[in-house]
Amino acid sequence: MNLEDTTSMVEQKAKILGETAQIPWQDLQSWFAKGLVLNVSPALNLVDVAYALSIDDKPCFERWTREKSVITVTDAQALEWIENDAVLWAVVVRPWILVQLPRSE
């Protein structure tokens, strides 16, 4: 990776970070119903996952899905988040919405 590639990656990650926000799970119901919400494990960095998705990094996503670190939100998880009025970190990488529980302080 050369300096130009590194600069581009840093700029893209900064853009993704700027588009990341907390949102109530309730507000994501229509996207969940379409199967477009991915749950990112707290062990991963949400911005790094969004960046990998944005550049179509298939090896990373194959590993993360195999390890179940990135999965489609399940009905059981969605119900739990509704019951708990969960607020999640979220970022859009079209057509997907990536979500992650806030880290415990």
N, C-alpha and C. Protein backbone atom coordinates (compact mmCIF):
# COMPACT_ATOMS: atom_id res chain seq x y z
N MET A 1 0.86 -1.18 0.00
CA MET A 1 0.00 0.00 0.00
C MET A 1 0.90 1.23 0.00
N ASN A 2 0.68 2.13 -0.95
CA ASN A 2 1.50 3.33 -1.01
C ASN A 2 0.85 4.46 -0.21
N LEU A 3 1.55 5.59 -0.13
CA LEU A 3 1.08 6.73 0.68
C LEU A 3 -0.27 7.24 0.19
N GLU A 4 -0.46 7.27 -1.13
CA GLU A 4 -1.73 7.75 -1.68
C GLU A 4 -2.89 6.83 -1.28
N ASP A 5 -2.64 5.52 -1.33
CA ASP A 5 -3.67 4.56 -0.91
C ASP A 5 -3.99 4.72 0.57
N THR A 6 -2.95 4.91 1.38
CA THR A 6 -3.14 5.08 2.82
C THR A 6 -3.93 6.34 3.11
N THR A 7 -3.61 7.44 2.42
CA THR A 7 -4.34 8.69 2.60
C THR A 7 -5.80 8.52 2.21
N SER A 8 -6.05 7.84 1.09
CA SER A 8 -7.41 7.60 0.65
C SER A 8 -8.18 6.77 1.67
N MET A 9 -7.53 5.73 2.22
CA MET A 9 -8.18 4.88 3.22
C MET A 9 -8.51 5.69 4.47
N VAL A 10 -7.58 6.51 4.92
CA VAL A 10 -7.81 7.33 6.11
C VAL A 10 -8.96 8.30 5.86
N GLU A 11 -8.99 8.92 4.68
CA GLU A 11 -10.07 9.85 4.35
C GLU A 11 -11.42 9.14 4.29
N GLN A 12 -11.45 7.95 3.70
CA GLN A 12 -12.71 7.20 3.61
C GLN A 12 -13.19 6.77 5.00
N LYS A 13 -12.26 6.34 5.85
CA LYS A 13 -12.65 5.94 7.21
C LYS A 13 -13.13 7.15 8.00
N ALA A 14 -12.51 8.30 7.80
CA ALA A 14 -12.96 9.53 8.48
C ALA A 14 -14.37 9.90 8.03
N LYS A 15 -14.65 9.73 6.74
CA LYS A 15 -15.99 10.00 6.22
C LYS A 15 -17.01 9.05 6.85
N ILE A 16 -16.67 7.77 6.92
CA ILE A 16 -17.56 6.78 7.53
C ILE A 16 -17.79 7.12 9.00
N LEU A 17 -16.74 7.47 9.71
CA LEU A 17 -16.87 7.83 11.12
C LEU A 17 -17.82 9.01 11.28
N GLY A 18 -17.72 9.99 10.38
CA GLY A 18 -18.60 11.15 10.43
C GLY A 18 -20.06 10.82 10.14
N GLU A 19 -20.29 9.70 9.47
CA GLU A 19 -21.66 9.27 9.14
C GLU A 19 -22.21 8.26 10.15
N THR A 20 -21.43 7.94 11.16
CA THR A 20 -21.83 6.97 12.19
C THR A 20 -22.54 7.71 13.31
N ALA A 21 -23.67 7.16 13.75
CA ALA A 21 -24.44 7.82 14.81
C ALA A 21 -25.20 6.77 15.62
N GLN A 22 -25.62 7.19 16.80
CA GLN A 22 -26.48 6.32 17.60
C GLN A 22 -27.93 6.52 17.16
N ILE A 23 -28.66 5.41 17.11
CA ILE A 23 -30.05 5.45 16.66
C ILE A 23 -30.85 4.40 17.42
N PRO A 24 -32.08 4.73 17.78
CA PRO A 24 -32.92 3.72 18.44
C PRO A 24 -33.21 2.57 17.47
N TRP A 25 -33.16 1.35 17.99
CA TRP A 25 -33.46 0.18 17.17
C TRP A 25 -34.83 0.32 16.51
N GLN A 26 -35.76 0.89 17.23
CA GLN A 26 -37.13 1.06 16.73
C GLN A 26 -37.13 1.75 15.36
N ASP A 27 -36.20 2.69 15.15
CA ASP A 27 -36.15 3.44 13.90
C ASP A 27 -35.62 2.63 12.72
N LEU A 28 -35.12 1.44 12.98
CA LEU A 28 -34.54 0.62 11.92
C LEU A 28 -35.43 -0.54 11.49
N GLN A 29 -36.66 -0.56 11.99
CA GLN A 29 -37.55 -1.70 11.76
C GLN A 29 -37.82 -1.98 10.28
N SER A 30 -38.03 -0.96 9.48
CA SER A 30 -38.35 -1.21 8.07
C SER A 30 -37.16 -1.82 7.33
N TRP A 31 -35.94 -1.41 7.68
CA TRP A 31 -34.75 -1.99 7.05
C TRP A 31 -34.53 -3.41 7.55
N PHE A 32 -34.80 -3.64 8.84
CA PHE A 32 -34.70 -5.00 9.38
C PHE A 32 -35.67 -5.92 8.65
N ALA A 33 -36.89 -5.46 8.42
CA ALA A 33 -37.90 -6.28 7.74
C ALA A 33 -37.45 -6.66 6.33
N LYS A 34 -36.62 -5.83 5.72
CA LYS A 34 -36.09 -6.12 4.37
C LYS A 34 -34.83 -6.97 4.41
N GLY A 35 -34.34 -7.28 5.62
CA GLY A 35 -33.13 -8.10 5.76
C GLY A 35 -31.85 -7.34 5.48
N LEU A 36 -31.88 -6.02 5.68
CA LEU A 36 -30.74 -5.19 5.30
C LEU A 36 -29.91 -4.68 6.48
N VAL A 37 -30.13 -5.25 7.67
CA VAL A 37 -29.39 -4.78 8.84
C VAL A 37 -28.42 -5.87 9.29
N LEU A 38 -27.15 -5.49 9.38
CA LEU A 38 -26.10 -6.41 9.81
C LEU A 38 -25.64 -6.05 11.21
N ASN A 39 -25.53 -7.05 12.06
CA ASN A 39 -25.08 -6.87 13.43
C ASN A 39 -23.57 -7.13 13.48
N VAL A 40 -22.82 -6.13 13.93
CA VAL A 40 -21.37 -6.23 14.02
C VAL A 40 -20.98 -6.52 15.47
N SER A 41 -20.19 -7.54 15.67
CA SER A 41 -19.74 -7.92 17.00
C SER A 41 -19.01 -6.76 17.68
N PRO A 42 -19.19 -6.61 18.99
CA PRO A 42 -18.45 -5.57 19.72
C PRO A 42 -16.93 -5.79 19.67
N ALA A 43 -16.50 -6.98 19.31
CA ALA A 43 -15.07 -7.26 19.20
C ALA A 43 -14.44 -6.58 17.98
N LEU A 44 -15.28 -6.16 17.03
CA LEU A 44 -14.79 -5.51 15.81
C LEU A 44 -15.03 -4.01 15.89
N ASN A 45 -14.25 -3.27 15.11
CA ASN A 45 -14.43 -1.83 14.99
C ASN A 45 -15.46 -1.57 13.89
N LEU A 46 -16.55 -0.91 14.24
CA LEU A 46 -17.64 -0.67 13.29
C LEU A 46 -17.16 0.07 12.05
N VAL A 47 -16.31 1.06 12.22
CA VAL A 47 -15.81 1.84 11.07
C VAL A 47 -14.96 0.95 10.16
N ASP A 48 -14.13 0.09 10.74
CA ASP A 48 -13.32 -0.81 9.92
C ASP A 48 -14.19 -1.77 9.12
N VAL A 49 -15.25 -2.27 9.74
CA VAL A 49 -16.16 -3.19 9.05
C VAL A 49 -16.88 -2.45 7.92
N ALA A 50 -17.35 -1.25 8.20
CA ALA A 50 -18.03 -0.46 7.16
C ALA A 50 -17.08 -0.15 6.01
N TYR A 51 -15.84 0.18 6.32
CA TYR A 51 -14.85 0.44 5.27
C TYR A 51 -14.64 -0.81 4.42
N ALA A 52 -14.45 -1.95 5.07
CA ALA A 52 -14.24 -3.20 4.33
C ALA A 52 -15.42 -3.49 3.40
N LEU A 53 -16.63 -3.25 3.89
CA LEU A 53 -17.81 -3.46 3.06
C LEU A 53 -17.82 -2.48 1.89
N SER A 54 -17.44 -1.24 2.15
CA SER A 54 -17.48 -0.22 1.10
C SER A 54 -16.49 -0.49 -0.04
N ILE A 55 -15.40 -1.20 0.26
CA ILE A 55 -14.42 -1.52 -0.78
C ILE A 55 -14.56 -2.97 -1.25
N ASP A 56 -15.64 -3.63 -0.82
CA ASP A 56 -15.95 -5.00 -1.24
C ASP A 56 -14.81 -5.96 -0.90
N ASP A 57 -14.34 -5.88 0.35
CA ASP A 57 -13.26 -6.75 0.83
C ASP A 57 -13.86 -8.12 1.18
N LYS A 58 -14.01 -8.96 0.17
CA LYS A 58 -14.67 -10.26 0.34
C LYS A 58 -13.94 -11.18 1.33
N PRO A 59 -12.61 -11.25 1.31
CA PRO A 59 -11.95 -12.14 2.28
C PRO A 59 -12.26 -11.77 3.73
N CYS A 60 -12.28 -10.49 4.04
CA CYS A 60 -12.63 -10.06 5.40
C CYS A 60 -14.05 -10.48 5.74
N PHE A 61 -14.98 -10.20 4.83
CA PHE A 61 -16.38 -10.51 5.13
C PHE A 61 -16.64 -12.01 5.20
N GLU A 62 -15.96 -12.77 4.37
CA GLU A 62 -16.10 -14.22 4.47
C GLU A 62 -15.62 -14.72 5.82
N ARG A 63 -14.49 -14.19 6.31
CA ARG A 63 -13.97 -14.58 7.62
C ARG A 63 -14.93 -14.15 8.72
N TRP A 64 -15.40 -12.89 8.67
CA TRP A 64 -16.29 -12.38 9.72
C TRP A 64 -17.61 -13.13 9.75
N THR A 65 -18.15 -13.47 8.59
CA THR A 65 -19.41 -14.21 8.59
C THR A 65 -19.20 -15.65 9.05
N ARG A 66 -18.09 -16.24 8.67
CA ARG A 66 -17.77 -17.60 9.13
C ARG A 66 -17.62 -17.62 10.66
N GLU A 67 -17.00 -16.58 11.21
CA GLU A 67 -16.80 -16.47 12.66
C GLU A 67 -18.04 -15.94 13.38
N LYS A 68 -19.06 -15.57 12.59
CA LYS A 68 -20.30 -14.97 13.12
C LYS A 68 -20.03 -13.64 13.84
N SER A 69 -19.02 -12.93 13.37
CA SER A 69 -18.71 -11.60 13.89
C SER A 69 -19.55 -10.53 13.21
N VAL A 70 -20.01 -10.83 12.00
CA VAL A 70 -20.94 -9.97 11.27
C VAL A 70 -22.05 -10.89 10.77
N ILE A 71 -23.27 -10.63 11.23
CA ILE A 71 -24.40 -11.48 10.85
C ILE A 71 -25.62 -10.60 10.57
N THR A 72 -26.54 -11.15 9.80
CA THR A 72 -27.83 -10.49 9.64
C THR A 72 -28.54 -10.54 10.99
N VAL A 73 -29.16 -9.43 11.38
CA VAL A 73 -29.86 -9.39 12.66
C VAL A 73 -30.96 -10.45 12.66
N THR A 74 -30.98 -11.25 13.72
CA THR A 74 -31.98 -12.31 13.84
C THR A 74 -33.28 -11.76 14.43
N ASP A 75 -34.35 -12.51 14.24
CA ASP A 75 -35.63 -12.13 14.84
C ASP A 75 -35.51 -12.05 16.36
N ALA A 76 -34.81 -13.01 16.96
CA ALA A 76 -34.65 -13.02 18.42
C ALA A 76 -33.90 -11.78 18.90
N GLN A 77 -32.84 -11.41 18.18
CA GLN A 77 -32.08 -10.22 18.56
C GLN A 77 -32.92 -8.97 18.40
N ALA A 78 -33.66 -8.88 17.32
CA ALA A 78 -34.53 -7.72 17.08
C ALA A 78 -35.56 -7.58 18.19
N LEU A 79 -36.16 -8.68 18.60
CA LEU A 79 -37.15 -8.66 19.67
C LEU A 79 -36.52 -8.20 20.98
N GLU A 80 -35.34 -8.70 21.29
CA GLU A 80 -34.64 -8.29 22.51
C GLU A 80 -34.37 -6.79 22.49
N TRP A 81 -33.93 -6.28 21.34
CA TRP A 81 -33.63 -4.85 21.25
C TRP A 81 -34.90 -4.01 21.37
N ILE A 82 -36.01 -4.50 20.85
CA ILE A 82 -37.28 -3.78 21.01
C ILE A 82 -37.66 -3.75 22.48
N GLU A 83 -37.59 -4.90 23.13
CA GLU A 83 -37.98 -4.99 24.54
C GLU A 83 -37.10 -4.12 25.43
N ASN A 84 -35.83 -3.95 25.06
CA ASN A 84 -34.89 -3.18 25.87
C ASN A 84 -34.75 -1.73 25.41
N ASP A 85 -35.56 -1.31 24.43
CA ASP A 85 -35.43 0.04 23.87
C ASP A 85 -33.97 0.35 23.53
N ALA A 86 -33.32 -0.57 22.84
CA ALA A 86 -31.90 -0.45 22.53
C ALA A 86 -31.61 0.74 21.63
N VAL A 87 -30.50 1.38 21.91
CA VAL A 87 -29.94 2.42 21.06
C VAL A 87 -28.60 1.88 20.58
N LEU A 88 -28.42 1.85 19.27
CA LEU A 88 -27.24 1.22 18.67
C LEU A 88 -26.43 2.23 17.88
N TRP A 89 -25.15 1.95 17.74
CA TRP A 89 -24.35 2.68 16.77
C TRP A 89 -24.72 2.14 15.39
N ALA A 90 -24.84 3.01 14.42
CA ALA A 90 -25.22 2.58 13.07
C ALA A 90 -24.52 3.41 12.02
N VAL A 91 -24.28 2.78 10.88
CA VAL A 91 -23.73 3.46 9.73
C VAL A 91 -24.27 2.76 8.48
N VAL A 92 -24.53 3.54 7.46
CA VAL A 92 -25.07 3.01 6.20
C VAL A 92 -23.95 2.80 5.20
N VAL A 93 -23.89 1.60 4.64
CA VAL A 93 -23.06 1.30 3.48
C VAL A 93 -24.03 0.61 2.53
N ARG A 94 -24.60 1.38 1.63
CA ARG A 94 -25.72 0.92 0.80
C ARG A 94 -25.45 -0.41 0.14
N PRO A 95 -26.42 -1.29 0.19
CA PRO A 95 -27.77 -1.13 0.72
C PRO A 95 -27.88 -1.47 2.21
N TRP A 96 -26.77 -1.77 2.84
CA TRP A 96 -26.76 -2.28 4.21
C TRP A 96 -26.75 -1.18 5.26
N ILE A 97 -27.28 -1.52 6.43
CA ILE A 97 -27.09 -0.71 7.63
C ILE A 97 -26.37 -1.61 8.62
N LEU A 98 -25.21 -1.17 9.05
CA LEU A 98 -24.44 -1.91 10.04
C LEU A 98 -24.75 -1.35 11.41
N VAL A 99 -25.01 -2.22 12.38
CA VAL A 99 -25.31 -1.77 13.74
C VAL A 99 -24.40 -2.49 14.72
N GLN A 100 -24.22 -1.83 15.86
CA GLN A 100 -23.39 -2.40 16.91
C GLN A 100 -23.84 -1.83 18.24
N LEU A 101 -23.92 -2.71 19.23
CA LEU A 101 -24.25 -2.23 20.57
C LEU A 101 -23.13 -1.33 21.07
N PRO A 102 -23.47 -0.25 21.77
CA PRO A 102 -22.41 0.59 22.35
C PRO A 102 -21.59 -0.23 23.34
N ARG A 103 -20.32 0.06 23.41
CA ARG A 103 -19.46 -0.64 24.36
C ARG A 103 -19.81 -0.19 25.77
N SER A 104 -19.75 -1.12 26.68
CA SER A 104 -20.01 -0.79 28.09
C SER A 104 -18.86 0.04 28.62
N GLU A 105 -19.21 1.07 29.34
CA GLU A 105 -18.18 1.96 29.89
C GLU A 105 -17.70 1.44 31.22
